[in-house]
């Protein structure tokens, strides 16, 4: 079972990776897929589904 500190950390990482992925989508859209694994992994961990 994860603590609330871990979940907060995962939500923070999800937010950061989402911003990076959106930045890639705007400025280098051929590379935006490179941020998707990080964004989706941290989303699943923050929702405590893994």
Protein backbone atom coordinates (compact mmCIF):
# COMPACT_ATOMS: atom_id res chain seq x y z
CA UNK A 1 0.00 0.00 0.00
CA UNK A 2 1.37 3.35 -0.98
CA UNK A 3 1.43 6.32 1.34
CA UNK A 4 -0.16 9.65 0.56
CA UNK A 5 3.32 11.13 0.09
CA UNK A 6 3.97 8.61 -2.69
CA UNK A 7 0.66 9.44 -4.37
CA UNK A 8 1.39 13.17 -4.21
CA UNK A 9 4.78 12.53 -5.76
CA UNK A 10 3.21 10.51 -8.58
CA UNK A 11 0.61 13.24 -9.22
CA UNK A 12 3.43 15.78 -9.40
CA UNK A 13 5.38 13.61 -11.83
CA UNK A 14 2.22 13.13 -13.90
CA UNK A 15 1.69 16.89 -14.09
CA UNK A 16 5.27 17.56 -15.10
CA UNK A 17 5.27 14.83 -17.74
CA UNK A 18 1.93 16.08 -19.08
CA UNK A 19 3.34 19.57 -19.52
CA UNK A 20 6.40 18.15 -21.26
CA UNK A 21 4.26 15.97 -23.53
CA UNK A 22 2.03 18.92 -24.44
CA UNK A 23 5.13 21.02 -25.10
CA UNK A 24 6.45 18.35 -27.41
CA UNK A 25 3.09 18.18 -29.14
CA UNK A 26 3.13 21.93 -29.76
CA UNK A 27 6.78 22.46 -30.68
CA UNK A 28 8.01 19.08 -31.97
CA UNK A 29 4.90 17.09 -32.76
CA UNK A 30 6.84 14.25 -34.36
CA UNK A 31 8.41 13.57 -30.94
CA UNK A 32 5.41 13.97 -28.63
CA UNK A 33 5.01 10.20 -28.32
CA UNK A 34 8.31 10.07 -26.41
CA UNK A 35 6.60 11.61 -23.36
CA UNK A 36 3.53 9.38 -23.42
CA UNK A 37 4.97 6.38 -21.52
CA UNK A 38 6.03 8.58 -18.62
CA UNK A 39 2.75 10.47 -18.50
CA UNK A 40 0.60 7.34 -18.59
CA UNK A 41 2.75 5.37 -16.15
CA UNK A 42 2.62 8.10 -13.52
CA UNK A 43 -1.13 8.50 -14.05
CA UNK A 44 -1.70 4.81 -13.37
CA UNK A 45 0.57 4.89 -10.31
CA UNK A 46 -1.11 8.05 -8.94
CA UNK A 47 -4.52 6.42 -9.31
CA UNK A 48 -3.11 3.36 -7.46
CA UNK A 49 -4.10 0.96 -10.25
CA UNK A 50 -0.74 -0.77 -10.63
